[in-house]
């Protein structure tokens, strides 16, 4: 993504008990289901570093998993402390933007 405003968040909020919302500098709004976002963690505990194989499965993540806290990591991402005790993953902003599942973003892929 060549335009930095595409991957620069202006606000990050919990939109509901099981949703996270990011408003981006380019005016776009992304909603993320907490369970799906937790499943997409790319830390070494969740994804094998050598093969890229996912180490966690859908049934290992509680359906009601939700963020307990969200903190910035530098100027490039977020660390989320999840209700299932997991907190080692960093979600880079460019990765989060690719995870947006809205109709506009689906057409751009």
PDB file of N, CA and C in Angstrom:
ATOM      1  N   UNK A   1       0.854  -1.172   0.000  1.00  0.00           N
ATOM      2  CA  UNK A   1       0.000   0.000   0.000  1.00  0.00           C
ATOM      3  C   UNK A   1       0.894   1.227   0.000  1.00  0.00           C
ATOM      4  N   UNK A   2       0.842   1.975  -1.063  1.00  0.00           N
ATOM      5  CA  UNK A   2       1.757   3.083  -1.212  1.00  0.00           C
ATOM      6  C   UNK A   2       1.340   4.335  -0.461  1.00  0.00           C
ATOM      7  N   UNK A   3       0.084   4.546  -0.192  1.00  0.00           N
ATOM      8  CA  UNK A   3      -0.403   5.729   0.484  1.00  0.00           C
ATOM      9  C   UNK A   3      -0.405   5.495   1.990  1.00  0.00           C
ATOM     10  N   UNK A   4       0.390   6.278   2.740  1.00  0.00           N
ATOM     11  CA  UNK A   4       0.499   6.051   4.183  1.00  0.00           C
ATOM     12  C   UNK A   4      -0.804   6.316   4.913  1.00  0.00           C
ATOM     13  N   UNK A   5      -1.691   7.160   4.370  1.00  0.00           N
ATOM     14  CA  UNK A   5      -2.964   7.409   5.046  1.00  0.00           C
ATOM     15  C   UNK A   5      -3.859   6.175   5.035  1.00  0.00           C
ATOM     16  N   UNK A   6      -3.599   5.254   4.124  1.00  0.00           N
ATOM     17  CA  UNK A   6      -4.373   4.019   4.062  1.00  0.00           C
ATOM     18  C   UNK A   6      -4.105   3.172   5.306  1.00  0.00           C
ATOM     19  N   UNK A   7      -2.890   3.226   5.820  1.00  0.00           N
ATOM     20  CA  UNK A   7      -2.533   2.383   6.963  1.00  0.00           C
ATOM     21  C   UNK A   7      -2.227   3.193   8.224  1.00  0.00           C
ATOM     22  N   UNK A   8      -2.734   4.413   8.298  1.00  0.00           N
ATOM     23  CA  UNK A   8      -2.563   5.234   9.489  1.00  0.00           C
ATOM     24  C   UNK A   8      -3.904   5.366  10.198  1.00  0.00           C
ATOM     25  N   UNK A   9      -4.032   4.765  11.382  1.00  0.00           N
ATOM     26  CA  UNK A   9      -5.303   4.876  12.102  1.00  0.00           C
ATOM     27  C   UNK A   9      -5.436   6.241  12.783  1.00  0.00           C
ATOM     28  N   UNK A  10      -6.660   6.756  12.821  1.00  0.00           N
ATOM     29  CA  UNK A  10      -6.897   7.988  13.570  1.00  0.00           C
ATOM     30  C   UNK A  10      -7.658   7.696  14.855  1.00  0.00           C
ATOM     31  N   UNK A  11      -8.347   6.546  14.900  1.00  0.00           N
ATOM     32  CA  UNK A  11      -8.965   6.125  16.152  1.00  0.00           C
ATOM     33  C   UNK A  11      -9.139   4.611  16.151  1.00  0.00           C
ATOM     34  N   UNK A  12      -8.999   4.057  17.348  1.00  0.00           N
ATOM     35  CA  UNK A  12      -9.160   2.619  17.557  1.00  0.00           C
ATOM     36  C   UNK A  12     -10.048   2.469  18.784  1.00  0.00           C
ATOM     37  N   UNK A  13     -11.214   1.864  18.589  1.00  0.00           N
ATOM     38  CA  UNK A  13     -12.166   1.737  19.692  1.00  0.00           C
ATOM     39  C   UNK A  13     -12.799   0.358  19.701  1.00  0.00           C
ATOM     40  N   UNK A  14     -13.345   0.004  20.841  1.00  0.00           N
ATOM     41  CA  UNK A  14     -14.125  -1.217  20.922  1.00  0.00           C
ATOM     42  C   UNK A  14     -15.547  -0.837  20.528  1.00  0.00           C
ATOM     43  N   UNK A  15     -15.996  -1.331  19.384  1.00  0.00           N
ATOM     44  CA  UNK A  15     -17.289  -0.937  18.818  1.00  0.00           C
ATOM     45  C   UNK A  15     -18.449  -1.644  19.497  1.00  0.00           C
ATOM     46  N   UNK A  16     -18.180  -2.722  20.154  1.00  0.00           N
ATOM     47  CA  UNK A  16     -19.173  -3.507  20.868  1.00  0.00           C
ATOM     48  C   UNK A  16     -18.410  -4.525  21.683  1.00  0.00           C
ATOM     49  N   UNK A  17     -19.104  -5.376  22.397  1.00  0.00           N
ATOM     50  CA  UNK A  17     -18.393  -6.333  23.250  1.00  0.00           C
ATOM     51  C   UNK A  17     -17.471  -7.278  22.481  1.00  0.00           C
ATOM     52  N   UNK A  18     -17.789  -7.527  21.203  1.00  0.00           N
ATOM     53  CA  UNK A  18     -17.005  -8.486  20.431  1.00  0.00           C
ATOM     54  C   UNK A  18     -16.491  -7.915  19.111  1.00  0.00           C
ATOM     55  N   UNK A  19     -16.367  -6.582  19.042  1.00  0.00           N
ATOM     56  CA  UNK A  19     -15.894  -5.939  17.815  1.00  0.00           C
ATOM     57  C   UNK A  19     -14.902  -4.821  18.122  1.00  0.00           C
ATOM     58  N   UNK A  20     -13.926  -4.692  17.254  1.00  0.00           N
ATOM     59  CA  UNK A  20     -12.957  -3.609  17.314  1.00  0.00           C
ATOM     60  C   UNK A  20     -13.141  -2.763  16.059  1.00  0.00           C
ATOM     61  N   UNK A  21     -13.097  -1.444  16.206  1.00  0.00           N
ATOM     62  CA  UNK A  21     -13.259  -0.541  15.068  1.00  0.00           C
ATOM     63  C   UNK A  21     -12.014   0.313  14.907  1.00  0.00           C
ATOM     64  N   UNK A  22     -11.564   0.442  13.669  1.00  0.00           N
ATOM     65  CA  UNK A  22     -10.463   1.347  13.344  1.00  0.00           C
ATOM     66  C   UNK A  22     -10.954   2.312  12.283  1.00  0.00           C
ATOM     67  N   UNK A  23     -10.753   3.603  12.553  1.00  0.00           N
ATOM     68  CA  UNK A  23     -11.001   4.638  11.550  1.00  0.00           C
ATOM     69  C   UNK A  23      -9.631   5.061  11.046  1.00  0.00           C
ATOM     70  N   UNK A  24      -9.485   5.007   9.719  1.00  0.00           N
ATOM     71  CA  UNK A  24      -8.202   5.268   9.074  1.00  0.00           C
ATOM     72  C   UNK A  24      -8.130   6.699   8.570  1.00  0.00           C
ATOM     73  N   UNK A  25      -6.916   7.217   8.392  1.00  0.00           N
ATOM     74  CA  UNK A  25      -6.700   8.596   7.949  1.00  0.00           C
ATOM     75  C   UNK A  25      -7.278   8.871   6.563  1.00  0.00           C
ATOM     76  N   UNK A  26      -7.457   7.835   5.754  1.00  0.00           N
ATOM     77  CA  UNK A  26      -8.035   8.044   4.423  1.00  0.00           C
ATOM     78  C   UNK A  26      -9.565   8.084   4.454  1.00  0.00           C
ATOM     79  N   UNK A  27     -10.156   8.045   5.663  1.00  0.00           N
ATOM     80  CA  UNK A  27     -11.604   8.120   5.804  1.00  0.00           C
ATOM     81  C   UNK A  27     -12.303   6.770   5.894  1.00  0.00           C
ATOM     82  N   UNK A  28     -11.567   5.696   5.675  1.00  0.00           N
ATOM     83  CA  UNK A  28     -12.162   4.361   5.721  1.00  0.00           C
ATOM     84  C   UNK A  28     -12.408   3.940   7.173  1.00  0.00           C
ATOM     85  N   UNK A  29     -13.414   3.093   7.361  1.00  0.00           N
ATOM     86  CA  UNK A  29     -13.760   2.558   8.676  1.00  0.00           C
ATOM     87  C   UNK A  29     -13.769   1.041   8.571  1.00  0.00           C
ATOM     88  N   UNK A  30     -13.012   0.377   9.445  1.00  0.00           N
ATOM     89  CA  UNK A  30     -12.951  -1.089   9.442  1.00  0.00           C
ATOM     90  C   UNK A  30     -13.495  -1.626  10.745  1.00  0.00           C
ATOM     91  N   UNK A  31     -14.344  -2.643  10.652  1.00  0.00           N
ATOM     92  CA  UNK A  31     -14.854  -3.358  11.824  1.00  0.00           C
ATOM     93  C   UNK A  31     -14.272  -4.768  11.808  1.00  0.00           C
ATOM     94  N   UNK A  32     -13.780  -5.202  12.956  1.00  0.00           N
ATOM     95  CA  UNK A  32     -13.168  -6.526  13.072  1.00  0.00           C
ATOM     96  C   UNK A  32     -13.875  -7.312  14.161  1.00  0.00           C
ATOM     97  N   UNK A  33     -14.354  -8.495  13.815  1.00  0.00           N
ATOM     98  CA  UNK A  33     -14.903  -9.402  14.824  1.00  0.00           C
ATOM     99  C   UNK A  33     -13.737  -9.887  15.681  1.00  0.00           C
ATOM    100  N   UNK A  34     -13.882  -9.793  16.989  1.00  0.00           N
ATOM    101  CA  UNK A  34     -12.790 -10.131  17.898  1.00  0.00           C
ATOM    102  C   UNK A  34     -12.301 -11.561  17.695  1.00  0.00           C
ATOM    103  N   UNK A  35     -13.206 -12.496  17.562  1.00  0.00           N
ATOM    104  CA  UNK A  35     -12.813 -13.902  17.398  1.00  0.00           C
ATOM    105  C   UNK A  35     -11.970 -14.088  16.141  1.00  0.00           C
ATOM    106  N   UNK A  36     -12.397 -13.505  15.047  1.00  0.00           N
ATOM    107  CA  UNK A  36     -11.657 -13.627  13.784  1.00  0.00           C
ATOM    108  C   UNK A  36     -10.290 -12.954  13.888  1.00  0.00           C
ATOM    109  N   UNK A  37     -10.239 -11.808  14.554  1.00  0.00           N
ATOM    110  CA  UNK A  37      -8.975 -11.099  14.712  1.00  0.00           C
ATOM    111  C   UNK A  37      -8.019 -11.886  15.607  1.00  0.00           C
ATOM    112  N   UNK A  38      -8.522 -12.461  16.666  1.00  0.00           N
ATOM    113  CA  UNK A  38      -7.676 -13.270  17.550  1.00  0.00           C
ATOM    114  C   UNK A  38      -7.100 -14.462  16.792  1.00  0.00           C
ATOM    115  N   UNK A  39      -7.912 -15.066  15.955  1.00  0.00           N
ATOM    116  CA  UNK A  39      -7.482 -16.218  15.162  1.00  0.00           C
ATOM    117  C   UNK A  39      -6.409 -15.841  14.148  1.00  0.00           C
ATOM    118  N   UNK A  40      -6.358 -14.582  13.747  1.00  0.00           N
ATOM    119  CA  UNK A  40      -5.388 -14.124  12.742  1.00  0.00           C
ATOM    120  C   UNK A  40      -4.069 -13.638  13.345  1.00  0.00           C
ATOM    121  N   UNK A  41      -3.864 -13.849  14.634  1.00  0.00           N
ATOM    122  CA  UNK A  41      -2.602 -13.463  15.264  1.00  0.00           C
ATOM    123  C   UNK A  41      -1.459 -14.203  14.577  1.00  0.00           C
ATOM    124  N   UNK A  42      -0.364 -13.473  14.313  1.00  0.00           N
ATOM    125  CA  UNK A  42       0.768 -14.074  13.612  1.00  0.00           C
ATOM    126  C   UNK A  42       2.004 -14.235  14.496  1.00  0.00           C
ATOM    127  N   UNK A  43       1.821 -14.227  15.812  1.00  0.00           N
ATOM    128  CA  UNK A  43       2.979 -14.388  16.700  1.00  0.00           C
ATOM    129  C   UNK A  43       3.504 -15.824  16.607  1.00  0.00           C
ATOM    130  N   UNK A  44       4.684 -16.060  17.163  1.00  0.00           N
ATOM    131  CA  UNK A  44       5.322 -17.378  17.079  1.00  0.00           C
ATOM    132  C   UNK A  44       4.536 -18.458  17.818  1.00  0.00           C
ATOM    133  N   UNK A  45       3.707 -18.074  18.784  1.00  0.00           N
ATOM    134  CA  UNK A  45       2.865 -19.062  19.463  1.00  0.00           C
ATOM    135  C   UNK A  45       1.689 -19.509  18.598  1.00  0.00           C
ATOM    136  N   UNK A  46       1.262 -18.635  17.706  1.00  0.00           N
ATOM    137  CA  UNK A  46       0.082 -18.908  16.896  1.00  0.00           C
ATOM    138  C   UNK A  46       0.407 -19.399  15.482  1.00  0.00           C
ATOM    139  N   UNK A  47       1.588 -19.041  14.977  1.00  0.00           N
ATOM    140  CA  UNK A  47       2.006 -19.434  13.633  1.00  0.00           C
ATOM    141  C   UNK A  47       3.440 -19.939  13.712  1.00  0.00           C
ATOM    142  N   UNK A  48       3.692 -21.112  13.149  1.00  0.00           N
ATOM    143  CA  UNK A  48       5.047 -21.656  13.134  1.00  0.00           C
ATOM    144  C   UNK A  48       5.966 -20.726  12.350  1.00  0.00           C
ATOM    145  N   UNK A  49       7.058 -20.343  12.987  1.00  0.00           N
ATOM    146  CA  UNK A  49       7.979 -19.373  12.375  1.00  0.00           C
ATOM    147  C   UNK A  49       8.628 -19.890  11.097  1.00  0.00           C
ATOM    148  N   UNK A  50       8.872 -21.173  11.002  1.00  0.00           N
ATOM    149  CA  UNK A  50       9.592 -21.739   9.860  1.00  0.00           C
ATOM    150  C   UNK A  50       8.672 -22.094   8.704  1.00  0.00           C
ATOM    151  N   UNK A  51       7.552 -22.733   9.023  1.00  0.00           N
ATOM    152  CA  UNK A  51       6.681 -23.210   7.953  1.00  0.00           C
ATOM    153  C   UNK A  51       5.533 -22.250   7.631  1.00  0.00           C
ATOM    154  N   UNK A  52       5.208 -21.367   8.578  1.00  0.00           N
ATOM    155  CA  UNK A  52       4.061 -20.490   8.387  1.00  0.00           C
ATOM    156  C   UNK A  52       2.734 -21.167   8.693  1.00  0.00           C
ATOM    157  N   UNK A  53       2.797 -22.398   9.177  1.00  0.00           N
ATOM    158  CA  UNK A  53       1.591 -23.159   9.500  1.00  0.00           C
ATOM    159  C   UNK A  53       0.940 -22.602  10.761  1.00  0.00           C
ATOM    160  N   UNK A  54      -0.360 -22.427  10.700  1.00  0.00           N
ATOM    161  CA  UNK A  54      -1.092 -21.932  11.862  1.00  0.00           C
ATOM    162  C   UNK A  54      -1.101 -23.000  12.948  1.00  0.00           C
ATOM    163  N   UNK A  55      -0.780 -22.591  14.175  1.00  0.00           N
ATOM    164  CA  UNK A  55      -0.721 -23.514  15.312  1.00  0.00           C
ATOM    165  C   UNK A  55      -2.000 -23.539  16.121  1.00  0.00           C
ATOM    166  N   UNK A  56      -2.867 -22.593  15.913  1.00  0.00           N
ATOM    167  CA  UNK A  56      -4.120 -22.547  16.656  1.00  0.00           C
ATOM    168  C   UNK A  56      -5.266 -22.836  15.703  1.00  0.00           C
ATOM    169  N   UNK A  57      -6.351 -23.334  16.269  1.00  0.00           N
ATOM    170  CA  UNK A  57      -7.524 -23.615  15.441  1.00  0.00           C
ATOM    171  C   UNK A  57      -8.736 -22.885  16.014  1.00  0.00           C
ATOM    172  N   UNK A  58      -9.755 -22.810  15.219  1.00  0.00           N
ATOM    173  CA  UNK A  58     -10.976 -22.100  15.598  1.00  0.00           C
ATOM    174  C   UNK A  58     -11.515 -22.597  16.936  1.00  0.00           C
ATOM    175  N   UNK A  59     -11.497 -23.900  17.148  1.00  0.00           N
ATOM    176  CA  UNK A  59     -12.075 -24.453  18.379  1.00  0.00           C
ATOM    177  C   UNK A  59     -11.214 -24.186  19.619  1.00  0.00           C
ATOM    178  N   UNK A  60     -10.003 -23.691  19.463  1.00  0.00           N
ATOM    179  CA  UNK A  60      -9.155 -23.351  20.601  1.00  0.00           C
ATOM    180  C   UNK A  60      -9.407 -21.938  21.128  1.00  0.00           C
ATOM    181  N   UNK A  61     -10.102 -21.146  20.358  1.00  0.00           N
ATOM    182  CA  UNK A  61     -10.384 -19.757  20.739  1.00  0.00           C
ATOM    183  C   UNK A  61     -11.833 -19.667  21.206  1.00  0.00           C
ATOM    184  N   UNK A  62     -12.064 -19.208  22.445  1.00  0.00           N
ATOM    185  CA  UNK A  62     -13.446 -19.085  22.926  1.00  0.00           C
ATOM    186  C   UNK A  62     -14.272 -18.158  22.022  1.00  0.00           C
ATOM    187  N   UNK A  63     -15.509 -18.509  21.797  1.00  0.00           N
ATOM    188  CA  UNK A  63     -16.378 -17.709  20.925  1.00  0.00           C
ATOM    189  C   UNK A  63     -16.549 -16.282  21.435  1.00  0.00           C
ATOM    190  N   UNK A  64     -16.452 -16.100  22.740  1.00  0.00           N
ATOM    191  CA  UNK A  64     -16.651 -14.770  23.323  1.00  0.00           C
ATOM    192  C   UNK A  64     -15.335 -14.039  23.619  1.00  0.00           C
ATOM    193  N   UNK A  65     -14.237 -14.461  22.981  1.00  0.00           N
ATOM    194  CA  UNK A  65     -12.958 -13.785  23.194  1.00  0.00           C
ATOM    195  C   UNK A  65     -13.100 -12.312  22.835  1.00  0.00           C
ATOM    196  N   UNK A  66     -12.459 -11.462  23.614  1.00  0.00           N
ATOM    197  CA  UNK A  66     -12.548 -10.025  23.363  1.00  0.00           C
ATOM    198  C   UNK A  66     -11.294  -9.334  23.888  1.00  0.00           C
ATOM    199  N   UNK A  67     -11.014  -8.140  23.368  1.00  0.00           N
ATOM    200  CA  UNK A  67      -9.848  -7.398  23.835  1.00  0.00           C
ATOM    201  C   UNK A  67     -10.057  -6.892  25.259  1.00  0.00           C
ATOM    202  N   UNK A  68      -9.041  -7.094  26.104  1.00  0.00           N
ATOM    203  CA  UNK A  68      -9.037  -6.493  27.436  1.00  0.00           C
ATOM    204  C   UNK A  68      -8.343  -5.143  27.392  1.00  0.00           C
ATOM    205  N   UNK A  69      -7.318  -5.062  26.539  1.00  0.00           N
ATOM    206  CA  UNK A  69      -6.631  -3.786  26.327  1.00  0.00           C
ATOM    207  C   UNK A  69      -6.011  -3.796  24.937  1.00  0.00           C
ATOM    208  N   UNK A  70      -5.834  -2.602  24.412  1.00  0.00           N
ATOM    209  CA  UNK A  70      -5.205  -2.409  23.105  1.00  0.00           C
ATOM    210  C   UNK A  70      -4.189  -1.296  23.275  1.00  0.00           C
ATOM    211  N   UNK A  71      -2.935  -1.572  22.898  1.00  0.00           N
ATOM    212  CA  UNK A  71      -1.902  -0.549  23.025  1.00  0.00           C
ATOM    213  C   UNK A  71      -1.109  -0.420  21.735  1.00  0.00           C
ATOM    214  N   UNK A  72      -0.662   0.790  21.475  1.00  0.00           N
ATOM    215  CA  UNK A  72       0.161   1.040  20.292  1.00  0.00           C
ATOM    216  C   UNK A  72       1.544   0.454  20.484  1.00  0.00           C
ATOM    217  N   UNK A  73       2.098  -0.059  19.395  1.00  0.00           N
ATOM    218  CA  UNK A  73       3.481  -0.521  19.357  1.00  0.00           C
ATOM    219  C   UNK A  73       4.172   0.369  18.331  1.00  0.00           C
ATOM    220  N   UNK A  74       4.969   1.295  18.831  1.00  0.00           N
ATOM    221  CA  UNK A  74       5.600   2.255  17.935  1.00  0.00           C
ATOM    222  C   UNK A  74       4.554   2.982  17.115  1.00  0.00           C
ATOM    223  N   UNK A  75       4.893   3.197  15.850  1.00  0.00           N
ATOM    224  CA  UNK A  75       3.972   3.877  14.932  1.00  0.00           C
ATOM    225  C   UNK A  75       3.477   2.919  13.866  1.00  0.00           C
ATOM    226  N   UNK A  76       3.596   1.603  14.151  1.00  0.00           N
ATOM    227  CA  UNK A  76       3.277   0.652  13.098  1.00  0.00           C
ATOM    228  C   UNK A  76       2.248  -0.420  13.457  1.00  0.00           C
ATOM    229  N   UNK A  77       1.852  -0.530  14.723  1.00  0.00           N
ATOM    230  CA  UNK A  77       0.927  -1.602  15.030  1.00  0.00           C
ATOM    231  C   UNK A  77       0.314  -1.546  16.411  1.00  0.00           C
ATOM    232  N   UNK A  78      -0.394  -2.636  16.724  1.00  0.00           N
ATOM    233  CA  UNK A  78      -1.105  -2.775  17.995  1.00  0.00           C
ATOM    234  C   UNK A  78      -0.739  -4.077  18.676  1.00  0.00           C
ATOM    235  N   UNK A  79      -0.734  -4.042  19.993  1.00  0.00           N
ATOM    236  CA  UNK A  79      -0.659  -5.258  20.797  1.00  0.00           C
ATOM    237  C   UNK A  79      -1.992  -5.341  21.534  1.00  0.00           C
ATOM    238  N   UNK A  80      -2.634  -6.480  21.413  1.00  0.00           N
ATOM    239  CA  UNK A  80      -3.940  -6.672  22.036  1.00  0.00           C
ATOM    240  C   UNK A  80      -3.799  -7.732  23.121  1.00  0.00           C
ATOM    241  N   UNK A  81      -4.260  -7.401  24.317  1.00  0.00           N
ATOM    242  CA  UNK A  81      -4.354  -8.387  25.391  1.00  0.00           C
ATOM    243  C   UNK A  81      -5.764  -8.965  25.319  1.00  0.00           C
ATOM    244  N   UNK A  82      -5.839 -10.265  25.041  1.00  0.00           N
ATOM    245  CA  UNK A  82      -7.120 -10.939  24.818  1.00  0.00           C
ATOM    246  C   UNK A  82      -7.635 -11.589  26.096  1.00  0.00           C
ATOM    247  N   UNK A  83      -8.930 -11.769  26.159  1.00  0.00           N
ATOM    248  CA  UNK A  83      -9.571 -12.378  27.323  1.00  0.00           C
ATOM    249  C   UNK A  83      -9.203 -13.845  27.515  1.00  0.00           C
ATOM    250  N   UNK A  84      -8.611 -14.478  26.506  1.00  0.00           N
ATOM    251  CA  UNK A  84      -8.179 -15.871  26.649  1.00  0.00           C
ATOM    252  C   UNK A  84      -6.754 -15.971  27.195  1.00  0.00           C
ATOM    253  N   UNK A  85      -6.180 -14.836  27.592  1.00  0.00           N
ATOM    254  CA  UNK A  85      -4.850 -14.817  28.179  1.00  0.00           C
ATOM    255  C   UNK A  85      -3.722 -14.556  27.197  1.00  0.00           C
ATOM    256  N   UNK A  86      -4.018 -14.492  25.925  1.00  0.00           N
ATOM    257  CA  UNK A  86      -2.989 -14.279  24.905  1.00  0.00           C
ATOM    258  C   UNK A  86      -2.708 -12.783  24.745  1.00  0.00           C
ATOM    259  N   UNK A  87      -1.411 -12.428  24.624  1.00  0.00           N
ATOM    260  CA  UNK A  87      -1.088 -11.010  24.439  1.00  0.00           C
ATOM    261  C   UNK A  87       0.266 -10.789  23.766  1.00  0.00           C
ATOM    262  N   UNK A  88       0.824 -11.800  23.120  1.00  0.00           N
ATOM    263  CA  UNK A  88       2.162 -11.648  22.558  1.00  0.00           C
ATOM    264  C   UNK A  88       2.181 -11.187  21.108  1.00  0.00           C
ATOM    265  N   UNK A  89       1.068 -11.191  20.439  1.00  0.00           N
ATOM    266  CA  UNK A  89       1.048 -10.826  19.024  1.00  0.00           C
ATOM    267  C   UNK A  89       1.040  -9.329  18.794  1.00  0.00           C
ATOM    268  N   UNK A  90       1.661  -8.918  17.701  1.00  0.00           N
ATOM    269  CA  UNK A  90       1.599  -7.532  17.248  1.00  0.00           C
ATOM    270  C   UNK A  90       0.899  -7.532  15.895  1.00  0.00           C
ATOM    271  N   UNK A  91      -0.134  -6.729  15.802  1.00  0.00           N
ATOM    272  CA  UNK A  91      -0.900  -6.591  14.567  1.00  0.00           C
ATOM    273  C   UNK A  91      -0.441  -5.303  13.885  1.00  0.00           C
ATOM    274  N   UNK A  92       0.379  -5.425  12.854  1.00  0.00           N
ATOM    275  CA  UNK A  92       0.845  -4.254  12.113  1.00  0.00           C
ATOM    276  C   UNK A  92      -0.348  -3.594  11.422  1.00  0.00           C
ATOM    277  N   UNK A  93      -0.309  -2.272  11.324  1.00  0.00           N
ATOM    278  CA  UNK A  93      -1.430  -1.552  10.719  1.00  0.00           C
ATOM    279  C   UNK A  93      -1.677  -1.985   9.276  1.00  0.00           C
ATOM    280  N   UNK A  94      -0.614  -2.219   8.504  1.00  0.00           N
ATOM    281  CA  UNK A  94      -0.834  -2.642   7.120  1.00  0.00           C
ATOM    282  C   UNK A  94      -1.489  -4.027   7.073  1.00  0.00           C
ATOM    283  N   UNK A  95      -1.151  -4.899   8.020  1.00  0.00           N
ATOM    284  CA  UNK A  95      -1.792  -6.219   8.103  1.00  0.00           C
ATOM    285  C   UNK A  95      -3.261  -6.054   8.485  1.00  0.00           C
ATOM    286  N   UNK A  96      -3.547  -5.214   9.463  1.00  0.00           N
ATOM    287  CA  UNK A  96      -4.939  -4.990   9.864  1.00  0.00           C
ATOM    288  C   UNK A  96      -5.770  -4.475   8.700  1.00  0.00           C
ATOM    289  N   UNK A  97      -5.194  -3.583   7.915  1.00  0.00           N
ATOM    290  CA  UNK A  97      -5.957  -3.047   6.783  1.00  0.00           C
ATOM    291  C   UNK A  97      -6.279  -4.148   5.771  1.00  0.00           C
ATOM    292  N   UNK A  98      -5.354  -5.095   5.573  1.00  0.00           N
ATOM    293  CA  UNK A  98      -5.634  -6.197   4.644  1.00  0.00           C
ATOM    294  C   UNK A  98      -6.711  -7.124   5.186  1.00  0.00           C
ATOM    295  N   UNK A  99      -6.906  -7.128   6.504  1.00  0.00           N
ATOM    296  CA  UNK A  99      -7.918  -7.991   7.114  1.00  0.00           C
ATOM    297  C   UNK A  99      -9.316  -7.386   7.080  1.00  0.00           C
ATOM    298  N   UNK A 100      -9.437  -6.130   6.660  1.00  0.00           N
ATOM    299  CA  UNK A 100     -10.753  -5.504   6.580  1.00  0.00           C
ATOM    300  C   UNK A 100     -11.611  -6.299   5.597  1.00  0.00           C
ATOM    301  N   UNK A 101     -12.763  -6.716   6.047  1.00  0.00           N
ATOM    302  CA  UNK A 101     -13.619  -7.554   5.219  1.00  0.00           C
ATOM    303  C   UNK A 101     -14.798  -6.833   4.603  1.00  0.00           C
ATOM    304  N   UNK A 102     -14.757  -5.500   4.610  1.00  0.00           N
ATOM    305  CA  UNK A 102     -15.890  -4.772   4.039  1.00  0.00           C
ATOM    306  C   UNK A 102     -15.947  -4.959   2.524  1.00  0.00           C
ATOM    307  N   UNK A 103     -17.055  -4.624   1.932  1.00  0.00           N
ATOM    308  CA  UNK A 103     -17.246  -4.808   0.491  1.00  0.00           C
ATOM    309  C   UNK A 103     -16.254  -3.988  -0.333  1.00  0.00           C
ATOM    310  N   UNK A 104     -15.937  -2.787   0.115  1.00  0.00           N
ATOM    311  CA  UNK A 104     -14.979  -1.949  -0.615  1.00  0.00           C
ATOM    312  C   UNK A 104     -13.619  -2.625  -0.651  1.00  0.00           C
ATOM    313  N   UNK A 105     -13.162  -3.104   0.479  1.00  0.00           N
ATOM    314  CA  UNK A 105     -11.829  -3.734   0.547  1.00  0.00           C
ATOM    315  C   UNK A 105     -11.811  -5.070  -0.188  1.00  0.00           C
ATOM    316  N   UNK A 106     -12.899  -5.798  -0.160  1.00  0.00           N
ATOM    317  CA  UNK A 106     -12.959  -7.068  -0.899  1.00  0.00           C
ATOM    318  C   UNK A 106     -12.805  -6.827  -2.406  1.00  0.00           C
ATOM    319  N   UNK A 107     -13.355  -5.719  -2.910  1.00  0.00           N
ATOM    320  CA  UNK A 107     -13.244  -5.407  -4.335  1.00  0.00           C
ATOM    321  C   UNK A 107     -11.838  -4.997  -4.722  1.00  0.00           C
ATOM    322  N   UNK A 108     -11.081  -4.435  -3.761  1.00  0.00           N
ATOM    323  CA  UNK A 108      -9.733  -3.938  -4.059  1.00  0.00           C
ATOM    324  C   UNK A 108      -8.696  -5.058  -4.090  1.00  0.00           C
ATOM    325  N   UNK A 109      -9.044  -6.208  -3.609  1.00  0.00           N
ATOM    326  CA  UNK A 109      -8.071  -7.326  -3.565  1.00  0.00           C
ATOM    327  C   UNK A 109      -7.827  -7.884  -4.941  1.00  0.00           C
TER     328      UNK A 109
END
